[in-house]
Amino acid sequence: MDKRLAMLEDLTRSGKADAFAWYALALEYKSKARFDDAMQTFSTLREKEPGYIPMYLMAGSMLIELGREQEARAWLTDGIQRAEAANNAHARDEMEALLDSISS
């Protein structure tokens, strides 16, 4: 098993992981084409830290790549709302552009 993956899995299992560790684990799963594990990890992160805005863009992007546009819309719409609430115009704009790309 990949050392980075094992380290991130251990960290998240320990209960001491911050939002970035969960996010990094989801991205690591994605990089290994373990898409279901990646989505489960993004979902866990959303439950634990719903204000962690980067996950919405990455989850939405991955779902689009997988042809799961309806789920992508839901993630991106939620992310846009959270980015608005956090006054994060850059993240909002990125997610709006991605959402527009599948709405056309």
PDB file of N, CA and C in Angstrom:
ATOM      1  N   MET A   1       0.849  -1.188   0.000  1.00  0.00           N
ATOM      2  CA  MET A   1       0.000   0.000   0.000  1.00  0.00           C
ATOM      3  C   MET A   1       0.888   1.243   0.000  1.00  0.00           C
ATOM      4  N   ASP A   2       0.424   2.236  -0.640  1.00  0.00           N
ATOM      5  CA  ASP A   2       1.087   3.523  -0.720  1.00  0.00           C
ATOM      6  C   ASP A   2       1.253   4.118   0.689  1.00  0.00           C
ATOM      7  N   LYS A   3       2.456   4.589   1.000  1.00  0.00           N
ATOM      8  CA  LYS A   3       2.728   5.129   2.338  1.00  0.00           C
ATOM      9  C   LYS A   3       1.875   6.351   2.653  1.00  0.00           C
ATOM     10  N   ARG A   4       1.724   7.240   1.668  1.00  0.00           N
ATOM     11  CA  ARG A   4       0.926   8.447   1.899  1.00  0.00           C
ATOM     12  C   ARG A   4      -0.527   8.071   2.193  1.00  0.00           C
ATOM     13  N   LEU A   5      -1.062   7.154   1.414  1.00  0.00           N
ATOM     14  CA  LEU A   5      -2.439   6.716   1.626  1.00  0.00           C
ATOM     15  C   LEU A   5      -2.589   6.092   3.008  1.00  0.00           C
ATOM     16  N   ALA A   6      -1.675   5.217   3.373  1.00  0.00           N
ATOM     17  CA  ALA A   6      -1.734   4.560   4.680  1.00  0.00           C
ATOM     18  C   ALA A   6      -1.652   5.581   5.811  1.00  0.00           C
ATOM     19  N   MET A   7      -0.779   6.568   5.664  1.00  0.00           N
ATOM     20  CA  MET A   7      -0.634   7.596   6.694  1.00  0.00           C
ATOM     21  C   MET A   7      -1.923   8.400   6.849  1.00  0.00           C
ATOM     22  N   LEU A   8      -2.534   8.778   5.722  1.00  0.00           N
ATOM     23  CA  LEU A   8      -3.772   9.557   5.778  1.00  0.00           C
ATOM     24  C   LEU A   8      -4.925   8.731   6.348  1.00  0.00           C
ATOM     25  N   GLU A   9      -4.992   7.461   5.980  1.00  0.00           N
ATOM     26  CA  GLU A   9      -6.034   6.597   6.546  1.00  0.00           C
ATOM     27  C   GLU A   9      -5.853   6.453   8.053  1.00  0.00           C
ATOM     28  N   ASP A  10      -4.624   6.253   8.492  1.00  0.00           N
ATOM     29  CA  ASP A  10      -4.356   6.136   9.931  1.00  0.00           C
ATOM     30  C   ASP A  10      -4.727   7.424  10.658  1.00  0.00           C
ATOM     31  N   LEU A  11      -4.365   8.543  10.077  1.00  0.00           N
ATOM     32  CA  LEU A  11      -4.645   9.838  10.696  1.00  0.00           C
ATOM     33  C   LEU A  11      -6.147  10.069  10.827  1.00  0.00           C
ATOM     34  N   THR A  12      -6.892   9.787   9.780  1.00  0.00           N
ATOM     35  CA  THR A  12      -8.338  10.019   9.849  1.00  0.00           C
ATOM     36  C   THR A  12      -9.018   9.030  10.798  1.00  0.00           C
ATOM     37  N   ARG A  13      -8.510   7.821  10.880  1.00  0.00           N
ATOM     38  CA  ARG A  13      -9.062   6.839  11.822  1.00  0.00           C
ATOM     39  C   ARG A  13      -8.778   7.220  13.268  1.00  0.00           C
ATOM     40  N   SER A  14      -7.693   7.936  13.492  1.00  0.00           N
ATOM     41  CA  SER A  14      -7.275   8.273  14.853  1.00  0.00           C
ATOM     42  C   SER A  14      -8.197   9.279  15.528  1.00  0.00           C
ATOM     43  N   GLY A  15      -8.987   9.980  14.739  1.00  0.00           N
ATOM     44  CA  GLY A  15      -9.848  11.015  15.308  1.00  0.00           C
ATOM     45  C   GLY A  15      -9.147  12.346  15.490  1.00  0.00           C
ATOM     46  N   LYS A  16      -7.885  12.421  15.094  1.00  0.00           N
ATOM     47  CA  LYS A  16      -7.103  13.649  15.272  1.00  0.00           C
ATOM     48  C   LYS A  16      -6.944  14.431  13.975  1.00  0.00           C
ATOM     49  N   ALA A  17      -7.607  13.994  12.934  1.00  0.00           N
ATOM     50  CA  ALA A  17      -7.435  14.611  11.617  1.00  0.00           C
ATOM     51  C   ALA A  17      -8.187  15.929  11.528  1.00  0.00           C
ATOM     52  N   ASP A  18      -7.551  16.899  10.895  1.00  0.00           N
ATOM     53  CA  ASP A  18      -8.233  18.151  10.596  1.00  0.00           C
ATOM     54  C   ASP A  18      -8.873  18.039   9.215  1.00  0.00           C
ATOM     55  N   ALA A  19      -9.539  19.102   8.797  1.00  0.00           N
ATOM     56  CA  ALA A  19     -10.244  19.083   7.513  1.00  0.00           C
ATOM     57  C   ALA A  19      -9.296  18.791   6.360  1.00  0.00           C
ATOM     58  N   PHE A  20      -8.097  19.349   6.405  1.00  0.00           N
ATOM     59  CA  PHE A  20      -7.175  19.136   5.296  1.00  0.00           C
ATOM     60  C   PHE A  20      -6.778  17.668   5.166  1.00  0.00           C
ATOM     61  N   ALA A  21      -6.636  16.966   6.272  1.00  0.00           N
ATOM     62  CA  ALA A  21      -6.278  15.538   6.204  1.00  0.00           C
ATOM     63  C   ALA A  21      -7.384  14.741   5.511  1.00  0.00           C
ATOM     64  N   TRP A  22      -8.633  15.038   5.835  1.00  0.00           N
ATOM     65  CA  TRP A  22      -9.751  14.368   5.159  1.00  0.00           C
ATOM     66  C   TRP A  22      -9.766  14.704   3.675  1.00  0.00           C
ATOM     67  N   TYR A  23      -9.538  15.966   3.361  1.00  0.00           N
ATOM     68  CA  TYR A  23      -9.506  16.423   1.971  1.00  0.00           C
ATOM     69  C   TYR A  23      -8.375  15.727   1.212  1.00  0.00           C
ATOM     70  N   ALA A  24      -7.200  15.674   1.823  1.00  0.00           N
ATOM     71  CA  ALA A  24      -6.053  15.022   1.193  1.00  0.00           C
ATOM     72  C   ALA A  24      -6.328  13.534   0.968  1.00  0.00           C
ATOM     73  N   LEU A  25      -6.997  12.892   1.917  1.00  0.00           N
ATOM     74  CA  LEU A  25      -7.337  11.477   1.759  1.00  0.00           C
ATOM     75  C   LEU A  25      -8.290  11.289   0.574  1.00  0.00           C
ATOM     76  N   ALA A  26      -9.282  12.153   0.461  1.00  0.00           N
ATOM     77  CA  ALA A  26     -10.211  12.059  -0.676  1.00  0.00           C
ATOM     78  C   ALA A  26      -9.470  12.221  -1.996  1.00  0.00           C
ATOM     79  N   LEU A  27      -8.556  13.179  -2.056  1.00  0.00           N
ATOM     80  CA  LEU A  27      -7.787  13.394  -3.285  1.00  0.00           C
ATOM     81  C   LEU A  27      -6.867  12.216  -3.582  1.00  0.00           C
ATOM     82  N   GLU A  28      -6.329  11.618  -2.542  1.00  0.00           N
ATOM     83  CA  GLU A  28      -5.464  10.446  -2.724  1.00  0.00           C
ATOM     84  C   GLU A  28      -6.271   9.277  -3.296  1.00  0.00           C
ATOM     85  N   TYR A  29      -7.460   9.059  -2.753  1.00  0.00           N
ATOM     86  CA  TYR A  29      -8.327   8.018  -3.313  1.00  0.00           C
ATOM     87  C   TYR A  29      -8.645   8.325  -4.775  1.00  0.00           C
ATOM     88  N   LYS A  30      -8.961   9.571  -5.066  1.00  0.00           N
ATOM     89  CA  LYS A  30      -9.274   9.959  -6.447  1.00  0.00           C
ATOM     90  C   LYS A  30      -8.097   9.652  -7.367  1.00  0.00           C
ATOM     91  N   SER A  31      -6.894   9.967  -6.918  1.00  0.00           N
ATOM     92  CA  SER A  31      -5.707   9.748  -7.753  1.00  0.00           C
ATOM     93  C   SER A  31      -5.468   8.265  -8.038  1.00  0.00           C
ATOM     94  N   LYS A  32      -6.029   7.417  -7.201  1.00  0.00           N
ATOM     95  CA  LYS A  32      -5.875   5.967  -7.378  1.00  0.00           C
ATOM     96  C   LYS A  32      -7.127   5.345  -8.007  1.00  0.00           C
ATOM     97  N   ALA A  33      -8.000   6.205  -8.537  1.00  0.00           N
ATOM     98  CA  ALA A  33      -9.251   5.773  -9.182  1.00  0.00           C
ATOM     99  C   ALA A  33     -10.164   5.016  -8.224  1.00  0.00           C
ATOM    100  N   ARG A  34     -10.058   5.315  -6.946  1.00  0.00           N
ATOM    101  CA  ARG A  34     -10.952   4.738  -5.934  1.00  0.00           C
ATOM    102  C   ARG A  34     -12.065   5.764  -5.681  1.00  0.00           C
ATOM    103  N   PHE A  35     -12.896   5.940  -6.687  1.00  0.00           N
ATOM    104  CA  PHE A  35     -13.860   7.035  -6.696  1.00  0.00           C
ATOM    105  C   PHE A  35     -14.927   6.911  -5.612  1.00  0.00           C
ATOM    106  N   ASP A  36     -15.397   5.709  -5.344  1.00  0.00           N
ATOM    107  CA  ASP A  36     -16.392   5.542  -4.281  1.00  0.00           C
ATOM    108  C   ASP A  36     -15.800   5.906  -2.923  1.00  0.00           C
ATOM    109  N   ASP A  37     -14.558   5.493  -2.685  1.00  0.00           N
ATOM    110  CA  ASP A  37     -13.891   5.858  -1.435  1.00  0.00           C
ATOM    111  C   ASP A  37     -13.684   7.368  -1.358  1.00  0.00           C
ATOM    112  N   ALA A  38     -13.329   7.973  -2.473  1.00  0.00           N
ATOM    113  CA  ALA A  38     -13.140   9.428  -2.501  1.00  0.00           C
ATOM    114  C   ALA A  38     -14.441  10.137  -2.154  1.00  0.00           C
ATOM    115  N   MET A  39     -15.555   9.709  -2.760  1.00  0.00           N
ATOM    116  CA  MET A  39     -16.833  10.367  -2.480  1.00  0.00           C
ATOM    117  C   MET A  39     -17.272  10.143  -1.042  1.00  0.00           C
ATOM    118  N   GLN A  40     -17.034   8.958  -0.517  1.00  0.00           N
ATOM    119  CA  GLN A  40     -17.377   8.710   0.884  1.00  0.00           C
ATOM    120  C   GLN A  40     -16.562   9.621   1.792  1.00  0.00           C
ATOM    121  N   THR A  41     -15.305   9.824   1.452  1.00  0.00           N
ATOM    122  CA  THR A  41     -14.444  10.685   2.258  1.00  0.00           C
ATOM    123  C   THR A  41     -14.868  12.143   2.138  1.00  0.00           C
ATOM    124  N   PHE A  42     -15.207  12.591   0.929  1.00  0.00           N
ATOM    125  CA  PHE A  42     -15.738  13.948   0.778  1.00  0.00           C
ATOM    126  C   PHE A  42     -17.023  14.107   1.600  1.00  0.00           C
ATOM    127  N   SER A  43     -17.880  13.105   1.586  1.00  0.00           N
ATOM    128  CA  SER A  43     -19.134  13.173   2.351  1.00  0.00           C
ATOM    129  C   SER A  43     -18.871  13.235   3.850  1.00  0.00           C
ATOM    130  N   THR A  44     -17.913  12.457   4.312  1.00  0.00           N
ATOM    131  CA  THR A  44     -17.541  12.503   5.727  1.00  0.00           C
ATOM    132  C   THR A  44     -17.005  13.882   6.083  1.00  0.00           C
ATOM    133  N   LEU A  45     -16.166  14.419   5.226  1.00  0.00           N
ATOM    134  CA  LEU A  45     -15.625  15.757   5.463  1.00  0.00           C
ATOM    135  C   LEU A  45     -16.752  16.781   5.503  1.00  0.00           C
ATOM    136  N   ARG A  46     -17.722  16.666   4.609  1.00  0.00           N
ATOM    137  CA  ARG A  46     -18.835  17.620   4.596  1.00  0.00           C
ATOM    138  C   ARG A  46     -19.625  17.535   5.904  1.00  0.00           C
ATOM    139  N   GLU A  47     -19.781  16.339   6.449  1.00  0.00           N
ATOM    140  CA  GLU A  47     -20.470  16.191   7.741  1.00  0.00           C
ATOM    141  C   GLU A  47     -19.670  16.835   8.868  1.00  0.00           C
ATOM    142  N   LYS A  48     -18.352  16.640   8.848  1.00  0.00           N
ATOM    143  CA  LYS A  48     -17.493  17.138   9.917  1.00  0.00           C
ATOM    144  C   LYS A  48     -17.202  18.631   9.797  1.00  0.00           C
ATOM    145  N   GLU A  49     -16.940  19.095   8.594  1.00  0.00           N
ATOM    146  CA  GLU A  49     -16.515  20.479   8.356  1.00  0.00           C
ATOM    147  C   GLU A  49     -17.220  21.037   7.123  1.00  0.00           C
ATOM    148  N   PRO A  50     -18.514  21.321   7.219  1.00  0.00           N
ATOM    149  CA  PRO A  50     -19.245  21.770   6.031  1.00  0.00           C
ATOM    150  C   PRO A  50     -18.731  23.085   5.444  1.00  0.00           C
ATOM    151  N   GLY A  51     -17.973  23.830   6.206  1.00  0.00           N
ATOM    152  CA  GLY A  51     -17.421  25.090   5.713  1.00  0.00           C
ATOM    153  C   GLY A  51     -16.102  24.953   4.986  1.00  0.00           C
ATOM    154  N   TYR A  52     -15.619  23.722   4.791  1.00  0.00           N
ATOM    155  CA  TYR A  52     -14.350  23.521   4.082  1.00  0.00           C
ATOM    156  C   TYR A  52     -14.623  23.579   2.582  1.00  0.00           C
ATOM    157  N   ILE A  53     -14.505  24.749   2.028  1.00  0.00           N
ATOM    158  CA  ILE A  53     -14.971  25.049   0.672  1.00  0.00           C
ATOM    159  C   ILE A  53     -14.254  24.284  -0.443  1.00  0.00           C
ATOM    160  N   PRO A  54     -12.945  24.048  -0.387  1.00  0.00           N
ATOM    161  CA  PRO A  54     -12.286  23.367  -1.516  1.00  0.00           C
ATOM    162  C   PRO A  54     -12.888  22.012  -1.879  1.00  0.00           C
ATOM    163  N   MET A  55     -13.457  21.315  -0.904  1.00  0.00           N
ATOM    164  CA  MET A  55     -13.994  19.980  -1.200  1.00  0.00           C
ATOM    165  C   MET A  55     -15.140  20.030  -2.195  1.00  0.00           C
ATOM    166  N   TYR A  56     -15.919  21.102  -2.181  1.00  0.00           N
ATOM    167  CA  TYR A  56     -17.082  21.171  -3.070  1.00  0.00           C
ATOM    168  C   TYR A  56     -16.647  21.215  -4.533  1.00  0.00           C
ATOM    169  N   LEU A  57     -15.636  21.998  -4.818  1.00  0.00           N
ATOM    170  CA  LEU A  57     -15.129  22.089  -6.190  1.00  0.00           C
ATOM    171  C   LEU A  57     -14.542  20.751  -6.635  1.00  0.00           C
ATOM    172  N   MET A  58     -13.731  20.140  -5.784  1.00  0.00           N
ATOM    173  CA  MET A  58     -13.083  18.889  -6.173  1.00  0.00           C
ATOM    174  C   MET A  58     -14.086  17.738  -6.290  1.00  0.00           C
ATOM    175  N   ALA A  59     -15.031  17.667  -5.366  1.00  0.00           N
ATOM    176  CA  ALA A  59     -16.052  16.613  -5.462  1.00  0.00           C
ATOM    177  C   ALA A  59     -16.903  16.825  -6.707  1.00  0.00           C
ATOM    178  N   GLY A  60     -17.308  18.066  -6.948  1.00  0.00           N
ATOM    179  CA  GLY A  60     -18.104  18.361  -8.137  1.00  0.00           C
ATOM    180  C   GLY A  60     -17.370  18.025  -9.415  1.00  0.00           C
ATOM    181  N   SER A  61     -16.112  18.389  -9.474  1.00  0.00           N
ATOM    182  CA  SER A  61     -15.287  18.119 -10.649  1.00  0.00           C
ATOM    183  C   SER A  61     -15.156  16.613 -10.896  1.00  0.00           C
ATOM    184  N   MET A  62     -14.900  15.868  -9.836  1.00  0.00           N
ATOM    185  CA  MET A  62     -14.758  14.426  -9.978  1.00  0.00           C
ATOM    186  C   MET A  62     -16.073  13.796 -10.438  1.00  0.00           C
ATOM    187  N   LEU A  63     -17.173  14.246  -9.875  1.00  0.00           N
ATOM    188  CA  LEU A  63     -18.473  13.700 -10.262  1.00  0.00           C
ATOM    189  C   LEU A  63     -18.781  13.978 -11.730  1.00  0.00           C
ATOM    190  N   ILE A  64     -18.401  15.144 -12.212  1.00  0.00           N
ATOM    191  CA  ILE A  64     -18.584  15.449 -13.635  1.00  0.00           C
ATOM    192  C   ILE A  64     -17.761  14.485 -14.480  1.00  0.00           C
ATOM    193  N   GLU A  65     -16.511  14.266 -14.091  1.00  0.00           N
ATOM    194  CA  GLU A  65     -15.647  13.333 -14.824  1.00  0.00           C
ATOM    195  C   GLU A  65     -16.261  11.936 -14.874  1.00  0.00           C
ATOM    196  N   LEU A  66     -16.991  11.578 -13.832  1.00  0.00           N
ATOM    197  CA  LEU A  66     -17.607  10.251 -13.748  1.00  0.00           C
ATOM    198  C   LEU A  66     -18.976  10.201 -14.424  1.00  0.00           C
ATOM    199  N   GLY A  67     -19.422  11.341 -14.965  1.00  0.00           N
ATOM    200  CA  GLY A  67     -20.721  11.387 -15.624  1.00  0.00           C
ATOM    201  C   GLY A  67     -21.896  11.465 -14.663  1.00  0.00           C
ATOM    202  N   ARG A  68     -21.629  11.836 -13.434  1.00  0.00           N
ATOM    203  CA  ARG A  68     -22.665  11.921 -12.400  1.00  0.00           C
ATOM    204  C   ARG A  68     -23.050  13.389 -12.200  1.00  0.00           C
ATOM    205  N   GLU A  69     -23.619  13.968 -13.254  1.00  0.00           N
ATOM    206  CA  GLU A  69     -23.865  15.411 -13.286  1.00  0.00           C
ATOM    207  C   GLU A  69     -24.883  15.883 -12.257  1.00  0.00           C
ATOM    208  N   GLN A  70     -25.905  15.111 -11.991  1.00  0.00           N
ATOM    209  CA  GLN A  70     -26.907  15.527 -11.005  1.00  0.00           C
ATOM    210  C   GLN A  70     -26.272  15.678  -9.622  1.00  0.00           C
ATOM    211  N   GLU A  71     -25.448  14.713  -9.234  1.00  0.00           N
ATOM    212  CA  GLU A  71     -24.747  14.802  -7.954  1.00  0.00           C
ATOM    213  C   GLU A  71     -23.772  15.971  -7.959  1.00  0.00           C
ATOM    214  N   ALA A  72     -23.101  16.174  -9.086  1.00  0.00           N
ATOM    215  CA  ALA A  72     -22.158  17.289  -9.201  1.00  0.00           C
ATOM    216  C   ALA A  72     -22.877  18.613  -8.997  1.00  0.00           C
ATOM    217  N   ARG A  73     -24.044  18.765  -9.602  1.00  0.00           N
ATOM    218  CA  ARG A  73     -24.825  20.003  -9.437  1.00  0.00           C
ATOM    219  C   ARG A  73     -25.121  20.269  -7.961  1.00  0.00           C
ATOM    220  N   ALA A  74     -25.509  19.218  -7.246  1.00  0.00           N
ATOM    221  CA  ALA A  74     -25.842  19.374  -5.827  1.00  0.00           C
ATOM    222  C   ALA A  74     -24.624  19.826  -5.023  1.00  0.00           C
ATOM    223  N   TRP A  75     -23.483  19.191  -5.251  1.00  0.00           N
ATOM    224  CA  TRP A  75     -22.261  19.573  -4.543  1.00  0.00           C
ATOM    225  C   TRP A  75     -21.850  20.999  -4.890  1.00  0.00           C
ATOM    226  N   LEU A  76     -21.881  21.326  -6.170  1.00  0.00           N
ATOM    227  CA  LEU A  76     -21.449  22.657  -6.595  1.00  0.00           C
ATOM    228  C   LEU A  76     -22.401  23.740  -6.104  1.00  0.00           C
ATOM    229  N   THR A  77     -23.687  23.479  -6.138  1.00  0.00           N
ATOM    230  CA  THR A  77     -24.657  24.460  -5.652  1.00  0.00           C
ATOM    231  C   THR A  77     -24.452  24.724  -4.167  1.00  0.00           C
ATOM    232  N   ASP A  78     -24.259  23.671  -3.399  1.00  0.00           N
ATOM    233  CA  ASP A  78     -23.984  23.821  -1.971  1.00  0.00           C
ATOM    234  C   ASP A  78     -22.680  24.591  -1.762  1.00  0.00           C
ATOM    235  N   GLY A  79     -21.664  24.249  -2.528  1.00  0.00           N
ATOM    236  CA  GLY A  79     -20.377  24.933  -2.411  1.00  0.00           C
ATOM    237  C   GLY A  79     -20.465  26.409  -2.755  1.00  0.00           C
ATOM    238  N   ILE A  80     -21.229  26.744  -3.774  1.00  0.00           N
ATOM    239  CA  ILE A  80     -21.406  28.147  -4.161  1.00  0.00           C
ATOM    240  C   ILE A  80     -22.055  28.922  -3.018  1.00  0.00           C
ATOM    241  N   GLN A  81     -23.068  28.342  -2.407  1.00  0.00           N
ATOM    242  CA  GLN A  81     -23.737  29.002  -1.280  1.00  0.00           C
ATOM    243  C   GLN A  81     -22.779  29.203  -0.112  1.00  0.00           C
ATOM    244  N   ARG A  82     -21.974  28.204   0.164  1.00  0.00           N
ATOM    245  CA  ARG A  82     -21.022  28.320   1.279  1.00  0.00           C
ATOM    246  C   ARG A  82     -19.913  29.323   0.963  1.00  0.00           C
ATOM    247  N   ALA A  83     -19.472  29.348  -0.284  1.00  0.00           N
ATOM    248  CA  ALA A  83     -18.454  30.323  -0.684  1.00  0.00           C
ATOM    249  C   ALA A  83     -19.008  31.742  -0.573  1.00  0.00           C
ATOM    250  N   GLU A  84     -20.251  31.925  -0.975  1.00  0.00           N
ATOM    251  CA  GLU A  84     -20.914  33.234  -0.833  1.00  0.00           C
ATOM    252  C   GLU A  84     -20.931  33.652   0.633  1.00  0.00           C
ATOM    253  N   ALA A  85     -21.351  32.742   1.494  1.00  0.00           N
ATOM    254  CA  ALA A  85     -21.451  33.038   2.922  1.00  0.00           C
ATOM    255  C   ALA A  85     -20.092  33.380   3.526  1.00  0.00           C
ATOM    256  N   ALA A  86     -19.034  32.793   2.969  1.00  0.00           N
ATOM    257  CA  ALA A  86     -17.676  33.031   3.466  1.00  0.00           C
ATOM    258  C   ALA A  86     -16.984  34.184   2.739  1.00  0.00           C
ATOM    259  N   ASN A  87     -17.711  34.861   1.854  1.00  0.00           N
ATOM    260  CA  ASN A  87     -17.140  35.947   1.045  1.00  0.00           C
ATOM    261  C   ASN A  87     -15.922  35.486   0.251  1.00  0.00           C
ATOM    262  N   ASN A  88     -15.985  34.270  -0.258  1.00  0.00           N
ATOM    263  CA  ASN A  88     -14.893  33.708  -1.044  1.00  0.00           C
ATOM    264  C   ASN A  88     -15.300  33.746  -2.522  1.00  0.00           C
ATOM    265  N   ALA A  89     -15.097  34.914  -3.128  1.00  0.00           N
ATOM    266  CA  ALA A  89     -15.530  35.123  -4.514  1.00  0.00           C
ATOM    267  C   ALA A  89     -14.774  34.231  -5.492  1.00  0.00           C
ATOM    268  N   HIS A  90     -13.501  33.997  -5.239  1.00  0.00           N
ATOM    269  CA  HIS A  90     -12.703  33.173  -6.154  1.00  0.00           C
ATOM    270  C   HIS A  90     -13.269  31.750  -6.234  1.00  0.00           C
ATOM    271  N   ALA A  91     -13.492  31.138  -5.078  1.00  0.00           N
ATOM    272  CA  ALA A  91     -14.040  29.776  -5.062  1.00  0.00           C
ATOM    273  C   ALA A  91     -15.438  29.757  -5.669  1.00  0.00           C
ATOM    274  N   ARG A  92     -16.242  30.756  -5.328  1.00  0.00           N
ATOM    275  CA  ARG A  92     -17.593  30.836  -5.896  1.00  0.00           C
ATOM    276  C   ARG A  92     -17.542  30.889  -7.414  1.00  0.00           C
ATOM    277  N   ASP A  93     -16.664  31.757  -7.943  1.00  0.00           N
ATOM    278  CA  ASP A  93     -16.560  31.905  -9.393  1.00  0.00           C
ATOM    279  C   ASP A  93     -16.118  30.612 -10.071  1.00  0.00           C
ATOM    280  N   GLU A  94     -15.167  29.907  -9.462  1.00  0.00           N
ATOM    281  CA  GLU A  94     -14.712  28.632 -10.034  1.00  0.00           C
ATOM    282  C   GLU A  94     -15.842  27.606 -10.077  1.00  0.00           C
ATOM    283  N   MET A  95     -16.588  27.537  -8.986  1.00  0.00           N
ATOM    284  CA  MET A  95     -17.683  26.563  -8.944  1.00  0.00           C
ATOM    285  C   MET A  95     -18.818  26.959  -9.879  1.00  0.00           C
ATOM    286  N   GLU A  96     -19.097  28.252  -9.991  1.00  0.00           N
ATOM    287  CA  GLU A  96     -20.133  28.701 -10.925  1.00  0.00           C
ATOM    288  C   GLU A  96     -19.749  28.363 -12.364  1.00  0.00           C
ATOM    289  N   ALA A  97     -18.476  28.558 -12.701  1.00  0.00           N
ATOM    290  CA  ALA A  97     -18.016  28.239 -14.057  1.00  0.00           C
ATOM    291  C   ALA A  97     -18.143  26.742 -14.334  1.00  0.00           C
ATOM    292  N   LEU A  98     -17.786  25.932 -13.355  1.00  0.00           N
ATOM    293  CA  LEU A  98     -17.903  24.482 -13.522  1.00  0.00           C
ATOM    294  C   LEU A  98     -19.373  24.073 -13.641  1.00  0.00           C
ATOM    295  N   LEU A  99     -20.219  24.663 -12.820  1.00  0.00           N
ATOM    296  CA  LEU A  99     -21.650  24.374 -12.893  1.00  0.00           C
ATOM    297  C   LEU A  99     -22.216  24.792 -14.247  1.00  0.00           C
ATOM    298  N   ASP A 100     -21.811  25.957 -14.726  1.00  0.00           N
ATOM    299  CA  ASP A 100     -22.263  26.425 -16.045  1.00  0.00           C
ATOM    300  C   ASP A 100     -21.832  25.466 -17.153  1.00  0.00           C
ATOM    301  N   SER A 101     -20.671  24.846 -16.988  1.00  0.00           N
ATOM    302  CA  SER A 101     -20.164  23.945 -18.028  1.00  0.00           C
ATOM    303  C   SER A 101     -21.034  22.697 -18.194  1.00  0.00           C
ATOM    304  N   ILE A 102     -21.760  22.325 -17.156  1.00  0.00           N
ATOM    305  CA  ILE A 102     -22.635  21.151 -17.273  1.00  0.00           C
ATOM    306  C   ILE A 102     -24.094  21.547 -17.453  1.00  0.00           C
ATOM    307  N   SER A 103     -24.393  22.813 -17.254  1.00  0.00           N
ATOM    308  CA  SER A 103     -25.772  23.275 -17.393  1.00  0.00           C
ATOM    309  C   SER A 103     -26.087  23.667 -18.825  1.00  0.00           C
ATOM    310  N   SER A 104     -25.055  23.817 -19.630  1.00  0.00           N
ATOM    311  CA  SER A 104     -25.252  24.276 -21.012  1.00  0.00           C
ATOM    312  C   SER A 104     -25.718  23.163 -21.915  1.00  0.00           C
TER     313      SER A 104
END
